[in-house]
PDB file of N, CA and C in Angstrom:
ATOM      1  N   UNK A   1     206.137 120.714 180.781  1.00  0.00           N
ATOM      2  CA  UNK A   1     206.667 119.508 180.529  1.00  0.00           C
ATOM      3  C   UNK A   1     208.013 119.023 181.189  1.00  0.00           C
ATOM      4  N   UNK A   2     208.851 120.288 180.904  1.00  0.00           N
ATOM      5  CA  UNK A   2     210.212 120.116 181.308  1.00  0.00           C
ATOM      6  C   UNK A   2     210.279 119.963 182.859  1.00  0.00           C
ATOM      7  N   UNK A   3     209.594 120.732 183.897  1.00  0.00           N
ATOM      8  CA  UNK A   3     209.919 120.855 185.059  1.00  0.00           C
ATOM      9  C   UNK A   3     209.461 119.443 185.529  1.00  0.00           C
ATOM     10  N   UNK A   4     209.154 118.344 184.640  1.00  0.00           N
ATOM     11  CA  UNK A   4     208.620 116.918 185.008  1.00  0.00           C
ATOM     12  C   UNK A   4     210.220 116.533 185.339  1.00  0.00           C
ATOM     13  N   UNK A   5     211.126 116.897 184.621  1.00  0.00           N
ATOM     14  CA  UNK A   5     212.334 115.740 184.221  1.00  0.00           C
ATOM     15  C   UNK A   5     213.636 116.886 184.684  1.00  0.00           C
ATOM     16  N   UNK A   6     213.793 116.615 185.648  1.00  0.00           N
ATOM     17  CA  UNK A   6     214.976 117.331 186.255  1.00  0.00           C
ATOM     18  C   UNK A   6     216.558 117.039 185.733  1.00  0.00           C
ATOM     19  N   UNK A   7     217.232 117.960 185.605  1.00  0.00           N
ATOM     20  CA  UNK A   7     218.462 117.943 185.111  1.00  0.00           C
ATOM     21  C   UNK A   7     219.355 118.020 186.243  1.00  0.00           C
ATOM     22  N   UNK A   8     220.589 117.177 186.198  1.00  0.00           N
ATOM     23  CA  UNK A   8     221.844 116.898 187.077  1.00  0.00           C
ATOM     24  C   UNK A   8     221.204 115.862 188.129  1.00  0.00           C
ATOM     25  N   UNK A   9     221.897 116.173 189.419  1.00  0.00           N
ATOM     26  CA  UNK A   9     221.638 115.320 190.579  1.00  0.00           C
ATOM     27  C   UNK A   9     219.923 114.801 191.051  1.00  0.00           C
ATOM     28  N   UNK A  10     219.548 114.332 191.106  1.00  0.00           N
ATOM     29  CA  UNK A  10     218.074 113.879 191.669  1.00  0.00           C
ATOM     30  C   UNK A  10     218.208 113.066 193.321  1.00  0.00           C
ATOM     31  N   UNK A  11     217.412 113.222 194.055  1.00  0.00           N
ATOM     32  CA  UNK A  11     217.610 112.846 195.046  1.00  0.00           C
ATOM     33  C   UNK A  11     216.707 111.646 195.189  1.00  0.00           C
ATOM     34  N   UNK A  12     216.862 110.685 196.008  1.00  0.00           N
ATOM     35  CA  UNK A  12     216.095 109.383 196.178  1.00  0.00           C
ATOM     36  C   UNK A  12     214.818 109.277 196.070  1.00  0.00           C
ATOM     37  N   UNK A  13     213.775 110.104 196.414  1.00  0.00           N
ATOM     38  CA  UNK A  13     212.954 110.179 196.176  1.00  0.00           C
ATOM     39  C   UNK A  13     212.489 110.189 194.885  1.00  0.00           C
ATOM     40  N   UNK A  14     213.027 111.571 194.541  1.00  0.00           N
ATOM     41  CA  UNK A  14     213.039 111.826 192.829  1.00  0.00           C
ATOM     42  C   UNK A  14     212.998 110.282 192.113  1.00  0.00           C
ATOM     43  N   UNK A  15     214.228 110.067 192.176  1.00  0.00           N
ATOM     44  CA  UNK A  15     214.766 108.616 191.421  1.00  0.00           C
ATOM     45  C   UNK A  15     213.744 107.449 191.305  1.00  0.00           C
ATOM     46  N   UNK A  16     212.834 107.562 192.455  1.00  0.00           N
ATOM     47  CA  UNK A  16     211.615 106.467 192.610  1.00  0.00           C
ATOM     48  C   UNK A  16     210.652 107.050 191.425  1.00  0.00           C
ATOM     49  N   UNK A  17     210.175 108.184 192.130  1.00  0.00           N
ATOM     50  CA  UNK A  17     209.499 108.604 191.035  1.00  0.00           C
ATOM     51  C   UNK A  17     209.620 108.377 189.466  1.00  0.00           C
ATOM     52  N   UNK A  18     210.946 108.925 188.883  1.00  0.00           N
ATOM     53  CA  UNK A  18     211.236 109.404 187.531  1.00  0.00           C
ATOM     54  C   UNK A  18     211.712 107.632 187.000  1.00  0.00           C
ATOM     55  N   UNK A  19     211.855 106.973 187.957  1.00  0.00           N
ATOM     56  CA  UNK A  19     212.190 105.552 187.110  1.00  0.00           C
ATOM     57  C   UNK A  19     210.947 104.535 186.808  1.00  0.00           C
ATOM     58  N   UNK A  20     209.524 105.017 187.029  1.00  0.00           N
ATOM     59  CA  UNK A  20     208.343 104.205 187.297  1.00  0.00           C
ATOM     60  C   UNK A  20     207.818 105.393 185.709  1.00  0.00           C
ATOM     61  N   UNK A  21     207.889 104.350 184.714  1.00  0.00           N
ATOM     62  CA  UNK A  21     207.430 104.321 183.438  1.00  0.00           C
ATOM     63  C   UNK A  21     207.067 103.635 182.926  1.00  0.00           C
ATOM     64  N   UNK A  22     206.229 103.167 181.495  1.00  0.00           N
ATOM     65  CA  UNK A  22     205.881 102.340 181.020  1.00  0.00           C
ATOM     66  C   UNK A  22     206.047 102.495 179.393  1.00  0.00           C
ATOM     67  N   UNK A  23     206.948 101.464 178.954  1.00  0.00           N
ATOM     68  CA  UNK A  23     206.783 101.256 176.960  1.00  0.00           C
ATOM     69  C   UNK A  23     205.472 100.915 176.520  1.00  0.00           C
ATOM     70  N   UNK A  24     205.538 101.763 175.601  1.00  0.00           N
ATOM     71  CA  UNK A  24     203.973 101.366 174.571  1.00  0.00           C
ATOM     72  C   UNK A  24     204.673 101.298 173.130  1.00  0.00           C
ATOM     73  N   UNK A  25     204.101 100.429 172.468  1.00  0.00           N
ATOM     74  CA  UNK A  25     204.541  99.885 171.377  1.00  0.00           C
ATOM     75  C   UNK A  25     203.348  99.601 170.238  1.00  0.00           C
ATOM     76  N   UNK A  26     202.682 100.701 169.708  1.00  0.00           N
ATOM     77  CA  UNK A  26     201.471 100.186 168.907  1.00  0.00           C
ATOM     78  C   UNK A  26     201.255 100.845 167.648  1.00  0.00           C
ATOM     79  N   UNK A  27     199.747 100.786 167.190  1.00  0.00           N
ATOM     80  CA  UNK A  27     199.992 101.679 165.807  1.00  0.00           C
ATOM     81  C   UNK A  27     198.497 102.538 165.906  1.00  0.00           C
ATOM     82  N   UNK A  28     198.501 103.502 165.480  1.00  0.00           N
ATOM     83  CA  UNK A  28     197.135 104.242 165.162  1.00  0.00           C
ATOM     84  C   UNK A  28     196.029 103.516 164.339  1.00  0.00           C
ATOM     85  N   UNK A  29     194.767 104.025 164.258  1.00  0.00           N
ATOM     86  CA  UNK A  29     193.697 103.378 163.725  1.00  0.00           C
ATOM     87  C   UNK A  29     194.245 103.936 162.181  1.00  0.00           C
ATOM     88  N   UNK A  30     193.440 103.182 161.248  1.00  0.00           N
ATOM     89  CA  UNK A  30     193.754 103.482 159.783  1.00  0.00           C
ATOM     90  C   UNK A  30     192.689 104.983 159.637  1.00  0.00           C
ATOM     91  N   UNK A  31     193.355 105.677 158.689  1.00  0.00           N
ATOM     92  CA  UNK A  31     193.012 106.824 158.188  1.00  0.00           C
ATOM     93  C   UNK A  31     193.498 107.007 156.656  1.00  0.00           C
ATOM     94  N   UNK A  32     192.770 107.427 155.807  1.00  0.00           N
ATOM     95  CA  UNK A  32     193.186 107.826 154.425  1.00  0.00           C
ATOM     96  C   UNK A  32     194.073 106.564 154.170  1.00  0.00           C
ATOM     97  N   UNK A  33     193.436 105.348 154.360  1.00  0.00           N
ATOM     98  CA  UNK A  33     194.170 103.819 154.326  1.00  0.00           C
ATOM     99  C   UNK A  33     195.739 104.051 154.320  1.00  0.00           C
ATOM    100  N   UNK A  34     196.137 104.600 155.346  1.00  0.00           N
ATOM    101  CA  UNK A  34     197.116 104.123 156.027  1.00  0.00           C
ATOM    102  C   UNK A  34     197.150 104.083 157.362  1.00  0.00           C
ATOM    103  N   UNK A  35     198.141 103.972 158.321  1.00  0.00           N
ATOM    104  CA  UNK A  35     198.201 103.843 159.482  1.00  0.00           C
ATOM    105  C   UNK A  35     199.718 104.417 160.141  1.00  0.00           C
ATOM    106  N   UNK A  36     200.054 104.703 161.453  1.00  0.00           N
ATOM    107  CA  UNK A  36     201.174 105.104 161.701  1.00  0.00           C
ATOM    108  C   UNK A  36     201.754 104.341 163.133  1.00  0.00           C
ATOM    109  N   UNK A  37     203.177 104.350 163.207  1.00  0.00           N
ATOM    110  CA  UNK A  37     203.360 103.748 164.383  1.00  0.00           C
ATOM    111  C   UNK A  37     203.476 104.775 165.726  1.00  0.00           C
ATOM    112  N   UNK A  38     203.443 104.317 166.776  1.00  0.00           N
ATOM    113  CA  UNK A  38     203.139 105.339 167.993  1.00  0.00           C
ATOM    114  C   UNK A  38     204.007 104.133 168.997  1.00  0.00           C
ATOM    115  N   UNK A  39     205.695 104.552 169.314  1.00  0.00           N
ATOM    116  CA  UNK A  39     206.711 104.314 169.869  1.00  0.00           C
ATOM    117  C   UNK A  39     206.995 104.890 171.033  1.00  0.00           C
ATOM    118  N   UNK A  40     207.601 104.592 171.987  1.00  0.00           N
ATOM    119  CA  UNK A  40     208.019 105.284 173.441  1.00  0.00           C
ATOM    120  C   UNK A  40     207.903 104.854 174.456  1.00  0.00           C
ATOM    121  N   UNK A  41     208.110 105.907 175.244  1.00  0.00           N
ATOM    122  CA  UNK A  41     208.213 105.778 177.074  1.00  0.00           C
ATOM    123  C   UNK A  41     207.645 106.946 177.402  1.00  0.00           C
ATOM    124  N   UNK A  42     206.369 106.644 178.207  1.00  0.00           N
ATOM    125  CA  UNK A  42     205.556 107.501 178.966  1.00  0.00           C
ATOM    126  C   UNK A  42     206.591 108.477 179.970  1.00  0.00           C
ATOM    127  N   UNK A  43     206.238 109.416 180.579  1.00  0.00           N
ATOM    128  CA  UNK A  43     206.760 110.427 180.681  1.00  0.00           C
ATOM    129  C   UNK A  43     206.597 109.528 182.582  1.00  0.00           C
ATOM    130  N   UNK A  44     207.181 109.995 183.561  1.00  0.00           N
ATOM    131  CA  UNK A  44     207.376 109.388 185.053  1.00  0.00           C
ATOM    132  C   UNK A  44     205.609 109.494 185.752  1.00  0.00           C
ATOM    133  N   UNK A  45     205.761 108.604 186.462  1.00  0.00           N
ATOM    134  CA  UNK A  45     204.461 108.394 187.294  1.00  0.00           C
ATOM    135  C   UNK A  45     203.751 109.882 187.723  1.00  0.00           C
ATOM    136  N   UNK A  46     202.527 110.195 187.749  1.00  0.00           N
ATOM    137  CA  UNK A  46     201.846 111.666 188.288  1.00  0.00           C
ATOM    138  C   UNK A  46     200.808 110.904 189.250  1.00  0.00           C
ATOM    139  N   UNK A  47     201.062 111.250 190.644  1.00  0.00           N
ATOM    140  CA  UNK A  47     200.209 110.837 191.965  1.00  0.00           C
ATOM    141  C   UNK A  47     198.783 111.374 191.694  1.00  0.00           C
ATOM    142  N   UNK A  48     197.936 110.326 192.051  1.00  0.00           N
ATOM    143  CA  UNK A  48     196.772 111.174 192.067  1.00  0.00           C
ATOM    144  C   UNK A  48     195.813 111.011 193.463  1.00  0.00           C
ATOM    145  N   UNK A  49     194.855 111.960 194.311  1.00  0.00           N
ATOM    146  CA  UNK A  49     194.443 111.864 194.994  1.00  0.00           C
ATOM    147  C   UNK A  49     193.886 110.460 195.569  1.00  0.00           C
ATOM    148  N   UNK A  50     193.256 109.849 194.847  1.00  0.00           N
ATOM    149  CA  UNK A  50     193.163 108.413 195.187  1.00  0.00           C
ATOM    150  C   UNK A  50     194.344 107.286 195.635  1.00  0.00           C
ATOM    151  N   UNK A  51     195.341 107.595 195.659  1.00  0.00           N
ATOM    152  CA  UNK A  51     196.670 106.687 195.478  1.00  0.00           C
ATOM    153  C   UNK A  51     196.898 105.970 194.495  1.00  0.00           C
ATOM    154  N   UNK A  52     196.388 106.317 193.420  1.00  0.00           N
ATOM    155  CA  UNK A  52     196.602 105.715 191.906  1.00  0.00           C
ATOM    156  C   UNK A  52     197.609 106.626 191.444  1.00  0.00           C
ATOM    157  N   UNK A  53     197.930 106.553 189.853  1.00  0.00           N
ATOM    158  CA  UNK A  53     198.980 107.461 189.308  1.00  0.00           C
ATOM    159  C   UNK A  53     198.679 107.187 187.810  1.00  0.00           C
ATOM    160  N   UNK A  54     198.780 108.323 186.862  1.00  0.00           N
ATOM    161  CA  UNK A  54     198.922 108.235 185.824  1.00  0.00           C
ATOM    162  C   UNK A  54     199.988 108.715 184.924  1.00  0.00           C
ATOM    163  N   UNK A  55     200.127 108.297 183.841  1.00  0.00           N
ATOM    164  CA  UNK A  55     200.738 109.262 182.892  1.00  0.00           C
ATOM    165  C   UNK A  55     201.037 109.900 182.186  1.00  0.00           C
ATOM    166  N   UNK A  56     201.879 110.976 181.520  1.00  0.00           N
ATOM    167  CA  UNK A  56     201.712 111.990 180.294  1.00  0.00           C
ATOM    168  C   UNK A  56     202.744 111.280 179.195  1.00  0.00           C
ATOM    169  N   UNK A  57     202.101 111.458 177.904  1.00  0.00           N
ATOM    170  CA  UNK A  57     202.351 110.395 176.582  1.00  0.00           C
ATOM    171  C   UNK A  57     202.632 111.646 175.605  1.00  0.00           C
ATOM    172  N   UNK A  58     203.879 111.819 175.135  1.00  0.00           N
ATOM    173  CA  UNK A  58     203.823 112.588 173.845  1.00  0.00           C
ATOM    174  C   UNK A  58     204.700 112.319 172.986  1.00  0.00           C
ATOM    175  N   UNK A  59     204.448 112.556 171.648  1.00  0.00           N
ATOM    176  CA  UNK A  59     205.433 112.022 170.809  1.00  0.00           C
ATOM    177  C   UNK A  59     205.486 112.395 169.405  1.00  0.00           C
ATOM    178  N   UNK A  60     205.897 111.931 168.474  1.00  0.00           N
ATOM    179  CA  UNK A  60     205.909 111.746 166.968  1.00  0.00           C
ATOM    180  C   UNK A  60     205.371 110.110 166.601  1.00  0.00           C
ATOM    181  N   UNK A  61     204.558 110.506 165.421  1.00  0.00           N
ATOM    182  CA  UNK A  61     204.196 109.021 164.918  1.00  0.00           C
ATOM    183  C   UNK A  61     205.219 108.646 163.449  1.00  0.00           C
ATOM    184  N   UNK A  62     205.269 107.756 162.913  1.00  0.00           N
ATOM    185  CA  UNK A  62     206.378 107.415 162.162  1.00  0.00           C
ATOM    186  C   UNK A  62     206.177 108.037 161.286  1.00  0.00           C
ATOM    187  N   UNK A  63     206.713 108.175 160.110  1.00  0.00           N
ATOM    188  CA  UNK A  63     206.510 108.799 159.025  1.00  0.00           C
ATOM    189  C   UNK A  63     206.066 108.208 157.799  1.00  0.00           C
ATOM    190  N   UNK A  64     205.171 108.483 157.130  1.00  0.00           N
ATOM    191  CA  UNK A  64     204.626 107.835 155.998  1.00  0.00           C
ATOM    192  C   UNK A  64     204.088 108.973 154.590  1.00  0.00           C
ATOM    193  N   UNK A  65     204.608 108.576 153.543  1.00  0.00           N
ATOM    194  CA  UNK A  65     204.118 109.574 152.273  1.00  0.00           C
ATOM    195  C   UNK A  65     204.369 110.977 152.635  1.00  0.00           C
ATOM    196  N   UNK A  66     205.329 111.216 153.123  1.00  0.00           N
ATOM    197  CA  UNK A  66     205.927 112.741 153.619  1.00  0.00           C
ATOM    198  C   UNK A  66     205.124 113.544 154.550  1.00  0.00           C
ATOM    199  N   UNK A  67     204.749 112.743 155.334  1.00  0.00           N
ATOM    200  CA  UNK A  67     204.066 113.490 156.921  1.00  0.00           C
ATOM    201  C   UNK A  67     204.003 112.552 158.188  1.00  0.00           C
ATOM    202  N   UNK A  68     203.918 113.304 158.973  1.00  0.00           N
ATOM    203  CA  UNK A  68     203.650 112.196 160.149  1.00  0.00           C
ATOM    204  C   UNK A  68     202.958 113.439 161.088  1.00  0.00           C
ATOM    205  N   UNK A  69     202.331 112.414 162.463  1.00  0.00           N
ATOM    206  CA  UNK A  69     201.378 113.452 163.264  1.00  0.00           C
ATOM    207  C   UNK A  69     202.069 113.329 164.710  1.00  0.00           C
ATOM    208  N   UNK A  70     201.851 114.426 165.915  1.00  0.00           N
ATOM    209  CA  UNK A  70     202.315 114.675 166.644  1.00  0.00           C
ATOM    210  C   UNK A  70     200.825 113.823 167.196  1.00  0.00           C
ATOM    211  N   UNK A  71     201.088 113.447 168.951  1.00  0.00           N
ATOM    212  CA  UNK A  71     200.184 113.154 169.997  1.00  0.00           C
ATOM    213  C   UNK A  71     200.703 113.466 171.414  1.00  0.00           C
ATOM    214  N   UNK A  72     199.469 113.851 172.117  1.00  0.00           N
ATOM    215  CA  UNK A  72     199.743 114.184 173.363  1.00  0.00           C
ATOM    216  C   UNK A  72     198.733 113.899 174.146  1.00  0.00           C
ATOM    217  N   UNK A  73     198.833 113.102 175.041  1.00  0.00           N
ATOM    218  CA  UNK A  73     197.871 112.817 176.077  1.00  0.00           C
ATOM    219  C   UNK A  73     198.117 112.151 177.487  1.00  0.00           C
ATOM    220  N   UNK A  74     197.244 112.062 178.406  1.00  0.00           N
ATOM    221  CA  UNK A  74     197.168 111.705 179.574  1.00  0.00           C
ATOM    222  C   UNK A  74     196.673 110.106 179.714  1.00  0.00           C
ATOM    223  N   UNK A  75     197.617 109.276 180.195  1.00  0.00           N
ATOM    224  CA  UNK A  75     196.963 107.922 180.361  1.00  0.00           C
ATOM    225  C   UNK A  75     195.545 108.017 181.061  1.00  0.00           C
ATOM    226  N   UNK A  76     195.144 106.682 181.777  1.00  0.00           N
ATOM    227  CA  UNK A  76     194.082 106.379 182.579  1.00  0.00           C
ATOM    228  C   UNK A  76     194.980 105.926 183.807  1.00  0.00           C
ATOM    229  N   UNK A  77     194.436 106.066 184.820  1.00  0.00           N
ATOM    230  CA  UNK A  77     195.112 105.673 185.948  1.00  0.00           C
ATOM    231  C   UNK A  77     195.405 104.138 185.862  1.00  0.00           C
ATOM    232  N   UNK A  78     196.121 103.411 187.040  1.00  0.00           N
ATOM    233  CA  UNK A  78     196.613 102.483 186.901  1.00  0.00           C
ATOM    234  C   UNK A  78     195.414 101.405 186.788  1.00  0.00           C
ATOM    235  N   UNK A  79     195.683 100.385 186.297  1.00  0.00           N
ATOM    236  CA  UNK A  79     194.581  99.106 185.895  1.00  0.00           C
ATOM    237  C   UNK A  79     195.658  97.756 186.120  1.00  0.00           C
ATOM    238  N   UNK A  80     195.211  97.107 187.296  1.00  0.00           N
ATOM    239  CA  UNK A  80     196.119  95.928 187.716  1.00  0.00           C
ATOM    240  C   UNK A  80     195.433  94.940 186.520  1.00  0.00           C
ATOM    241  N   UNK A  81     196.832  93.674 186.751  1.00  0.00           N
ATOM    242  CA  UNK A  81     196.762  92.916 185.851  1.00  0.00           C
ATOM    243  C   UNK A  81     196.385  92.041 186.711  1.00  0.00           C
ATOM    244  N   UNK A  82     196.100  90.484 185.980  1.00  0.00           N
ATOM    245  CA  UNK A  82     195.744  89.310 187.098  1.00  0.00           C
ATOM    246  C   UNK A  82     197.322  88.913 187.380  1.00  0.00           C
ATOM    247  N   UNK A  83     198.525  89.154 186.680  1.00  0.00           N
ATOM    248  CA  UNK A  83     199.797  88.716 187.135  1.00  0.00           C
ATOM    249  C   UNK A  83     200.989  89.701 188.095  1.00  0.00           C
ATOM    250  N   UNK A  84     199.765  90.608 188.752  1.00  0.00           N
ATOM    251  CA  UNK A  84     200.791  91.376 190.004  1.00  0.00           C
ATOM    252  C   UNK A  84     200.663  92.804 188.688  1.00  0.00           C
ATOM    253  N   UNK A  85     201.210  92.811 187.933  1.00  0.00           N
ATOM    254  CA  UNK A  85     201.806  94.169 187.365  1.00  0.00           C
ATOM    255  C   UNK A  85     200.513  95.079 186.983  1.00  0.00           C
ATOM    256  N   UNK A  86     200.752  96.234 186.289  1.00  0.00           N
ATOM    257  CA  UNK A  86     199.512  96.835 185.893  1.00  0.00           C
ATOM    258  C   UNK A  86     199.919  97.480 184.349  1.00  0.00           C
ATOM    259  N   UNK A  87     198.581  98.157 183.734  1.00  0.00           N
ATOM    260  CA  UNK A  87     198.893  99.087 182.719  1.00  0.00           C
ATOM    261  C   UNK A  87     197.888 100.246 182.537  1.00  0.00           C
ATOM    262  N   UNK A  88     198.317 100.809 181.732  1.00  0.00           N
ATOM    263  CA  UNK A  88     197.500 102.171 181.562  1.00  0.00           C
ATOM    264  C   UNK A  88     196.845 101.918 180.073  1.00  0.00           C
ATOM    265  N   UNK A  89     195.382 102.741 179.849  1.00  0.00           N
ATOM    266  CA  UNK A  89     194.775 102.781 178.644  1.00  0.00           C
ATOM    267  C   UNK A  89     195.101 104.482 178.345  1.00  0.00           C
ATOM    268  N   UNK A  90     195.120 104.682 176.946  1.00  0.00           N
ATOM    269  CA  UNK A  90     195.402 105.683 176.514  1.00  0.00           C
ATOM    270  C   UNK A  90     194.581 105.997 174.874  1.00  0.00           C
ATOM    271  N   UNK A  91     194.202 107.459 175.283  1.00  0.00           N
ATOM    272  CA  UNK A  91     192.838 106.939 174.423  1.00  0.00           C
ATOM    273  C   UNK A  91     193.116 108.648 173.543  1.00  0.00           C
ATOM    274  N   UNK A  92     192.826 108.713 172.394  1.00  0.00           N
ATOM    275  CA  UNK A  92     192.738 110.285 171.650  1.00  0.00           C
ATOM    276  C   UNK A  92     193.118 110.179 170.019  1.00  0.00           C
ATOM    277  N   UNK A  93     193.435 111.486 169.555  1.00  0.00           N
ATOM    278  CA  UNK A  93     193.758 111.629 168.568  1.00  0.00           C
ATOM    279  C   UNK A  93     195.013 112.281 168.235  1.00  0.00           C
ATOM    280  N   UNK A  94     195.477 111.823 167.033  1.00  0.00           N
ATOM    281  CA  UNK A  94     196.609 113.125 166.380  1.00  0.00           C
ATOM    282  C   UNK A  94     196.177 114.163 165.966  1.00  0.00           C
ATOM    283  N   UNK A  95     197.329 115.022 165.616  1.00  0.00           N
ATOM    284  CA  UNK A  95     197.120 116.395 165.005  1.00  0.00           C
ATOM    285  C   UNK A  95     196.642 115.994 163.820  1.00  0.00           C
ATOM    286  N   UNK A  96     196.211 117.080 163.236  1.00  0.00           N
ATOM    287  CA  UNK A  96     195.307 117.241 161.929  1.00  0.00           C
ATOM    288  C   UNK A  96     196.659 117.555 160.558  1.00  0.00           C
ATOM    289  N   UNK A  97     196.851 116.328 160.273  1.00  0.00           N
ATOM    290  CA  UNK A  97     198.006 116.988 158.926  1.00  0.00           C
ATOM    291  C   UNK A  97     197.599 116.352 157.698  1.00  0.00           C
ATOM    292  N   UNK A  98     198.070 116.816 156.838  1.00  0.00           N
ATOM    293  CA  UNK A  98     197.534 116.544 155.338  1.00  0.00           C
ATOM    294  C   UNK A  98     196.428 115.925 155.119  1.00  0.00           C
ATOM    295  N   UNK A  99     195.303 116.751 155.692  1.00  0.00           N
ATOM    296  CA  UNK A  99     194.047 116.424 155.569  1.00  0.00           C
ATOM    297  C   UNK A  99     193.554 115.483 156.544  1.00  0.00           C
ATOM    298  N   UNK A 100     194.047 114.946 157.112  1.00  0.00           N
ATOM    299  CA  UNK A 100     193.301 114.016 158.018  1.00  0.00           C
ATOM    300  C   UNK A 100     194.353 113.896 159.558  1.00  0.00           C
ATOM    301  N   UNK A 101     193.593 113.075 160.246  1.00  0.00           N
ATOM    302  CA  UNK A 101     194.206 112.493 161.683  1.00  0.00           C
ATOM    303  C   UNK A 101     193.703 111.199 162.000  1.00  0.00           C
ATOM    304  N   UNK A 102     194.618 110.527 162.945  1.00  0.00           N
ATOM    305  CA  UNK A 102     194.048 109.119 163.265  1.00  0.00           C
ATOM    306  C   UNK A 102     193.632 108.803 164.840  1.00  0.00           C
ATOM    307  N   UNK A 103     192.952 108.239 164.770  1.00  0.00           N
ATOM    308  CA  UNK A 103     192.375 108.095 166.242  1.00  0.00           C
ATOM    309  C   UNK A 103     193.274 106.779 167.155  1.00  0.00           C
ATOM    310  N   UNK A 104     193.449 106.800 168.250  1.00  0.00           N
ATOM    311  CA  UNK A 104     193.973 105.630 168.539  1.00  0.00           C
ATOM    312  C   UNK A 104     193.227 104.993 170.341  1.00  0.00           C
ATOM    313  N   UNK A 105     193.657 103.926 170.735  1.00  0.00           N
ATOM    314  CA  UNK A 105     193.036 103.558 171.776  1.00  0.00           C
ATOM    315  C   UNK A 105     193.901 102.340 172.260  1.00  0.00           C
ATOM    316  N   UNK A 106     194.742 102.508 172.891  1.00  0.00           N
ATOM    317  CA  UNK A 106     195.590 101.563 173.104  1.00  0.00           C
ATOM    318  C   UNK A 106     195.841 101.153 174.655  1.00  0.00           C
ATOM    319  N   UNK A 107     196.986 100.158 174.842  1.00  0.00           N
ATOM    320  CA  UNK A 107     197.268  99.860 176.237  1.00  0.00           C
ATOM    321  C   UNK A 107     198.714  99.903 176.132  1.00  0.00           C
ATOM    322  N   UNK A 108     199.675 100.522 177.600  1.00  0.00           N
ATOM    323  CA  UNK A 108     200.616 100.479 177.769  1.00  0.00           C
ATOM    324  C   UNK A 108     201.122  99.130 177.948  1.00  0.00           C
ATOM    325  N   UNK A 109     202.563  99.091 177.952  1.00  0.00           N
ATOM    326  CA  UNK A 109     203.107  97.756 178.216  1.00  0.00           C
ATOM    327  C   UNK A 109     203.114  97.536 179.998  1.00  0.00           C
ATOM    328  N   UNK A 110     202.757  96.091 180.343  1.00  0.00           N
ATOM    329  CA  UNK A 110     202.691  96.158 181.670  1.00  0.00           C
ATOM    330  C   UNK A 110     204.281  96.292 182.893  1.00  0.00           C
ATOM    331  N   UNK A 111     203.906  96.649 183.792  1.00  0.00           N
ATOM    332  CA  UNK A 111     204.873  97.076 184.704  1.00  0.00           C
ATOM    333  C   UNK A 111     204.391  96.598 186.391  1.00  0.00           C
ATOM    334  N   UNK A 112     205.578  96.618 186.891  1.00  0.00           N
ATOM    335  CA  UNK A 112     205.157  96.270 188.388  1.00  0.00           C
ATOM    336  C   UNK A 112     204.448  97.575 189.043  1.00  0.00           C
ATOM    337  N   UNK A 113     203.583  97.132 190.251  1.00  0.00           N
ATOM    338  CA  UNK A 113     203.164  98.521 190.980  1.00  0.00           C
ATOM    339  C   UNK A 113     203.908  98.656 191.626  1.00  0.00           C
ATOM    340  N   UNK A 114     204.219 100.255 191.545  1.00  0.00           N
ATOM    341  CA  UNK A 114     205.197 100.680 192.635  1.00  0.00           C
ATOM    342  C   UNK A 114     204.622 101.808 193.072  1.00  0.00           C
ATOM    343  N   UNK A 115     204.795 102.251 194.330  1.00  0.00           N
ATOM    344  CA  UNK A 115     204.274 103.699 194.691  1.00  0.00           C
ATOM    345  C   UNK A 115     204.757 104.904 193.767  1.00  0.00           C
ATOM    346  N   UNK A 116     203.924 105.399 193.347  1.00  0.00           N
ATOM    347  CA  UNK A 116     204.150 106.773 192.417  1.00  0.00           C
ATOM    348  C   UNK A 116     204.897 107.681 193.319  1.00  0.00           C
TER     349      UNK A 116
END
């Protein structure tokens, strides 16, 4: 993971790649009568062979009743929207904690299509 985020000075090509991220702000699905917030920013764009890109997402959910969960998932490739922007779908499950886990199937916030 850490090799994706350079320390110190970066080249203009690296800066272009690293500035393309998406915010996400949603909740997990209900599990054991509660849910958790998932908020954050994706990792930088990772190019695919077909000219698209995807992002890595990892983080901690919100705290509830003495526990939280972690998640780590790659998004779908870019999905164009009607207004010229694009989004990514992210689907998976949180870690198992306190006897349960939570599913999620959400979409990142939209940003302009840029070269990954």
